[in-house]
Amino acid sequence: MQDLVDSWVAGGLAGLIIDEHPDAMIAIDANLKNFIVTPQGSITVLNVPIIANSTITHGLAAIAVHLRHLPVRDQFIHTALNRFPEARPELLAHYELWNMLGIVSFFAVREPHSPNRWQSFSSPKPVRQDFAEMARTLLA
């Protein structure tokens, strides 16, 4: 997996995101268990101990990465891009991979000896397999 990370970073990640301007507060622990969606469509964010100043695209990807195996993902992306025209759709996959790297790190610290058991609740695949597939797609 380290080779995939190195290739991805060396392949121009910094060059792709360098001209994005931080303009949003992003919940570092943005996962589907930390949101409540009301019937009226408003969203309440729960359990946000750390926030960062980042970009709208990063924020959308932080949620989309958890939706990648769910049918609602495309609808979320479409709606979000309409709502935030300043978002950069061509960078979503890179930010999703960046967020996936955070998920891999989460499991690596908590279960370093059980990498085959690392599983995100929203994915039918092991986290390492998801990360590798996402990286290979970006490197193709």
C-alpha atoms as a PDB file:
ATOM      1  CA  MET A   1       0.000   0.000   0.000  1.00  0.00           C
ATOM      2  CA  GLN A   2       2.907   2.359   0.681  1.00  0.00           C
ATOM      3  CA  ASP A   3       3.929   2.170  -2.982  1.00  0.00           C
ATOM      4  CA  LEU A   4       0.432   3.263  -4.015  1.00  0.00           C
ATOM      5  CA  VAL A   5       0.556   6.227  -1.635  1.00  0.00           C
ATOM      6  CA  ASP A   6       3.994   7.259  -2.885  1.00  0.00           C
ATOM      7  CA  SER A   7       2.929   6.957  -6.526  1.00  0.00           C
ATOM      8  CA  TRP A   8      -0.235   8.930  -5.927  1.00  0.00           C
ATOM      9  CA  VAL A   9       1.571  11.763  -4.147  1.00  0.00           C
ATOM     10  CA  ALA A  10       4.439  11.808  -6.678  1.00  0.00           C
ATOM     11  CA  GLY A  11       1.910  11.726  -9.511  1.00  0.00           C
ATOM     12  CA  GLY A  12       0.771  15.234  -8.870  1.00  0.00           C
ATOM     13  CA  LEU A  13      -1.551  15.358  -5.862  1.00  0.00           C
ATOM     14  CA  ALA A  14       0.014  18.581  -4.610  1.00  0.00           C
ATOM     15  CA  GLY A  15      -0.147  20.138  -8.066  1.00  0.00           C
ATOM     16  CA  LEU A  16      -3.820  19.329  -8.371  1.00  0.00           C
ATOM     17  CA  ILE A  17      -4.914  20.880  -5.103  1.00  0.00           C
ATOM     18  CA  ILE A  18      -2.406  23.722  -4.754  1.00  0.00           C
ATOM     19  CA  ASP A  19      -4.752  26.312  -6.270  1.00  0.00           C
ATOM     20  CA  GLU A  20      -7.736  25.403  -4.111  1.00  0.00           C
ATOM     21  CA  HIS A  21      -8.373  27.995  -1.440  1.00  0.00           C
ATOM     22  CA  PRO A  22      -9.477  26.962   2.034  1.00  0.00           C
ATOM     23  CA  ASP A  23     -12.956  28.347   2.459  1.00  0.00           C
ATOM     24  CA  ALA A  24     -14.784  25.858   4.622  1.00  0.00           C
ATOM     25  CA  MET A  25     -14.649  24.357   8.079  1.00  0.00           C
ATOM     26  CA  ILE A  26     -14.374  20.575   7.781  1.00  0.00           C
ATOM     27  CA  ALA A  27     -15.198  18.079  10.522  1.00  0.00           C
ATOM     28  CA  ILE A  28     -12.153  15.830  10.814  1.00  0.00           C
ATOM     29  CA  ASP A  29     -14.304  12.884  11.898  1.00  0.00           C
ATOM     30  CA  ALA A  30     -16.893  13.260   9.141  1.00  0.00           C
ATOM     31  CA  ASN A  31     -18.523   9.881   8.870  1.00  0.00           C
ATOM     32  CA  LEU A  32     -22.123   8.824   8.450  1.00  0.00           C
ATOM     33  CA  LYS A  33     -22.570   8.089  12.160  1.00  0.00           C
ATOM     34  CA  ASN A  34     -21.916  11.738  12.988  1.00  0.00           C
ATOM     35  CA  PHE A  35     -24.824  13.281  11.075  1.00  0.00           C
ATOM     36  CA  ILE A  36     -28.561  13.556  11.646  1.00  0.00           C
ATOM     37  CA  VAL A  37     -30.675  14.482   8.629  1.00  0.00           C
ATOM     38  CA  THR A  38     -34.091  15.883   9.498  1.00  0.00           C
ATOM     39  CA  PRO A  39     -37.206  15.247   7.375  1.00  0.00           C
ATOM     40  CA  GLN A  40     -36.904  18.893   6.249  1.00  0.00           C
ATOM     41  CA  GLY A  41     -33.438  18.176   4.840  1.00  0.00           C
ATOM     42  CA  SER A  42     -31.303  20.037   7.351  1.00  0.00           C
ATOM     43  CA  ILE A  43     -28.187  18.344   8.700  1.00  0.00           C
ATOM     44  CA  THR A  44     -26.941  18.381  12.276  1.00  0.00           C
ATOM     45  CA  VAL A  45     -23.326  17.368  12.815  1.00  0.00           C
ATOM     46  CA  LEU A  46     -22.542  15.452  16.002  1.00  0.00           C
ATOM     47  CA  ASN A  47     -19.283  14.554  17.751  1.00  0.00           C
ATOM     48  CA  VAL A  48     -16.921  16.972  16.062  1.00  0.00           C
ATOM     49  CA  PRO A  49     -13.966  17.356  18.440  1.00  0.00           C
ATOM     50  CA  ILE A  50     -11.630  18.656  15.731  1.00  0.00           C
ATOM     51  CA  ILE A  51     -12.320  20.872  12.738  1.00  0.00           C
ATOM     52  CA  ALA A  52      -9.973  22.128  10.055  1.00  0.00           C
ATOM     53  CA  ASN A  53      -9.979  24.968   7.593  1.00  0.00           C
ATOM     54  CA  SER A  54     -10.079  23.326   4.172  1.00  0.00           C
ATOM     55  CA  THR A  55     -11.954  23.461   0.892  1.00  0.00           C
ATOM     56  CA  ILE A  56     -15.541  22.765  -0.078  1.00  0.00           C
ATOM     57  CA  THR A  57     -14.309  19.937  -2.305  1.00  0.00           C
ATOM     58  CA  HIS A  58     -12.526  18.331   0.638  1.00  0.00           C
ATOM     59  CA  GLY A  59     -15.677  18.601   2.731  1.00  0.00           C
ATOM     60  CA  LEU A  60     -17.820  16.940   0.084  1.00  0.00           C
ATOM     61  CA  ALA A  61     -15.263  14.159  -0.356  1.00  0.00           C
ATOM     62  CA  ALA A  62     -15.124  13.565   3.404  1.00  0.00           C
ATOM     63  CA  ILE A  63     -18.764  12.494   3.206  1.00  0.00           C
ATOM     64  CA  ALA A  64     -18.698  10.942  -0.272  1.00  0.00           C
ATOM     65  CA  VAL A  65     -15.928   8.531   0.686  1.00  0.00           C
ATOM     66  CA  HIS A  66     -18.339   6.918   3.161  1.00  0.00           C
ATOM     67  CA  LEU A  67     -21.057   6.701   0.501  1.00  0.00           C
ATOM     68  CA  ARG A  68     -18.905   5.099  -2.219  1.00  0.00           C
ATOM     69  CA  HIS A  69     -20.666   1.719  -1.993  1.00  0.00           C
ATOM     70  CA  LEU A  70     -24.174   3.056  -1.444  1.00  0.00           C
ATOM     71  CA  PRO A  71     -26.694   3.921  -4.165  1.00  0.00           C
ATOM     72  CA  VAL A  72     -27.218   7.414  -2.722  1.00  0.00           C
ATOM     73  CA  ARG A  73     -23.611   8.477  -3.496  1.00  0.00           C
ATOM     74  CA  ASP A  74     -24.287   9.774  -7.025  1.00  0.00           C
ATOM     75  CA  GLN A  75     -27.319  11.711  -5.834  1.00  0.00           C
ATOM     76  CA  PHE A  76     -25.294  13.240  -2.996  1.00  0.00           C
ATOM     77  CA  ILE A  77     -22.497  14.293  -5.370  1.00  0.00           C
ATOM     78  CA  HIS A  78     -24.938  15.754  -7.910  1.00  0.00           C
ATOM     79  CA  THR A  79     -26.868  17.694  -5.263  1.00  0.00           C
ATOM     80  CA  ALA A  80     -23.725  18.894  -3.491  1.00  0.00           C
ATOM     81  CA  LEU A  81     -22.069  20.112  -6.684  1.00  0.00           C
ATOM     82  CA  ASN A  82     -25.222  22.030  -7.583  1.00  0.00           C
ATOM     83  CA  ARG A  83     -25.318  23.531  -4.098  1.00  0.00           C
ATOM     84  CA  PHE A  84     -21.605  24.398  -4.110  1.00  0.00           C
ATOM     85  CA  PRO A  85     -20.622  25.471  -7.643  1.00  0.00           C
ATOM     86  CA  GLU A  86     -17.176  26.501  -6.369  1.00  0.00           C
ATOM     87  CA  ALA A  87     -16.367  22.846  -5.641  1.00  0.00           C
ATOM     88  CA  ARG A  88     -13.897  21.183  -7.984  1.00  0.00           C
ATOM     89  CA  PRO A  89     -15.429  17.871  -9.154  1.00  0.00           C
ATOM     90  CA  GLU A  90     -12.164  16.832 -10.824  1.00  0.00           C
ATOM     91  CA  LEU A  91     -10.544  16.775  -7.368  1.00  0.00           C
ATOM     92  CA  LEU A  92     -13.205  14.786  -5.525  1.00  0.00           C
ATOM     93  CA  ALA A  93     -11.510  11.419  -6.102  1.00  0.00           C
ATOM     94  CA  HIS A  94      -8.197  12.752  -4.767  1.00  0.00           C
ATOM     95  CA  TYR A  95      -9.803  14.135  -1.629  1.00  0.00           C
ATOM     96  CA  GLU A  96     -11.761  10.906  -1.183  1.00  0.00           C
ATOM     97  CA  LEU A  97      -8.501   8.965  -1.337  1.00  0.00           C
ATOM     98  CA  TRP A  98      -6.980  11.414   1.143  1.00  0.00           C
ATOM     99  CA  ASN A  99      -9.885  10.731   3.508  1.00  0.00           C
ATOM    100  CA  MET A 100      -9.569   6.982   2.891  1.00  0.00           C
ATOM    101  CA  LEU A 101      -5.923   7.246   3.954  1.00  0.00           C
ATOM    102  CA  GLY A 102      -7.211   8.695   7.235  1.00  0.00           C
ATOM    103  CA  ILE A 103      -9.548   5.718   7.645  1.00  0.00           C
ATOM    104  CA  VAL A 104      -6.654   3.312   6.989  1.00  0.00           C
ATOM    105  CA  SER A 105      -4.597   5.187   9.602  1.00  0.00           C
ATOM    106  CA  PHE A 106      -7.453   4.965  12.123  1.00  0.00           C
ATOM    107  CA  PHE A 107      -7.525   1.183  11.828  1.00  0.00           C
ATOM    108  CA  ALA A 108      -3.733   0.825  11.665  1.00  0.00           C
ATOM    109  CA  VAL A 109      -3.383   2.495  15.057  1.00  0.00           C
ATOM    110  CA  ARG A 110      -6.213   0.551  16.708  1.00  0.00           C
ATOM    111  CA  GLU A 111      -5.758  -2.872  15.124  1.00  0.00           C
ATOM    112  CA  PRO A 112      -2.218  -3.009  13.701  1.00  0.00           C
ATOM    113  CA  HIS A 113      -2.066  -6.803  13.719  1.00  0.00           C
ATOM    114  CA  SER A 114      -5.438  -7.414  12.049  1.00  0.00           C
ATOM    115  CA  PRO A 115      -5.398  -5.599   8.672  1.00  0.00           C
ATOM    116  CA  ASN A 116      -7.745  -8.136   7.086  1.00  0.00           C
ATOM    117  CA  ARG A 117     -10.431  -7.167   9.605  1.00  0.00           C
ATOM    118  CA  TRP A 118     -10.299  -3.428   8.882  1.00  0.00           C
ATOM    119  CA  GLN A 119     -13.780  -2.736   7.554  1.00  0.00           C
ATOM    120  CA  SER A 120     -15.721   0.484   7.180  1.00  0.00           C
ATOM    121  CA  PHE A 121     -19.369   0.076   8.117  1.00  0.00           C
ATOM    122  CA  SER A 122     -20.466   1.490   4.752  1.00  0.00           C
ATOM    123  CA  SER A 123     -18.342  -0.836   2.624  1.00  0.00           C
ATOM    124  CA  PRO A 124     -18.578  -4.521   1.735  1.00  0.00           C
ATOM    125  CA  LYS A 125     -14.800  -4.542   1.141  1.00  0.00           C
ATOM    126  CA  PRO A 126     -11.862  -4.439   3.540  1.00  0.00           C
ATOM    127  CA  VAL A 127     -10.513  -0.899   3.929  1.00  0.00           C
ATOM    128  CA  ARG A 128      -7.105  -1.808   2.484  1.00  0.00           C
ATOM    129  CA  GLN A 129      -8.754  -3.216  -0.649  1.00  0.00           C
ATOM    130  CA  ASP A 130     -10.932  -0.108  -1.021  1.00  0.00           C
ATOM    131  CA  PHE A 131      -7.894   2.141  -0.674  1.00  0.00           C
ATOM    132  CA  ALA A 132      -5.872   0.137  -3.198  1.00  0.00           C
ATOM    133  CA  GLU A 133      -8.705   0.160  -5.753  1.00  0.00           C
ATOM    134  CA  MET A 134      -9.222   3.899  -5.349  1.00  0.00           C
ATOM    135  CA  ALA A 135      -5.478   4.606  -5.696  1.00  0.00           C
ATOM    136  CA  ARG A 136      -5.094   2.406  -8.763  1.00  0.00           C
ATOM    137  CA  THR A 137      -8.030   4.161 -10.413  1.00  0.00           C
ATOM    138  CA  LEU A 138      -6.404   7.560  -9.846  1.00  0.00           C
ATOM    139  CA  LEU A 139      -3.037   6.329 -11.065  1.00  0.00           C
ATOM    140  CA  ALA A 140      -4.436   4.721 -14.217  1.00  0.00           C
END
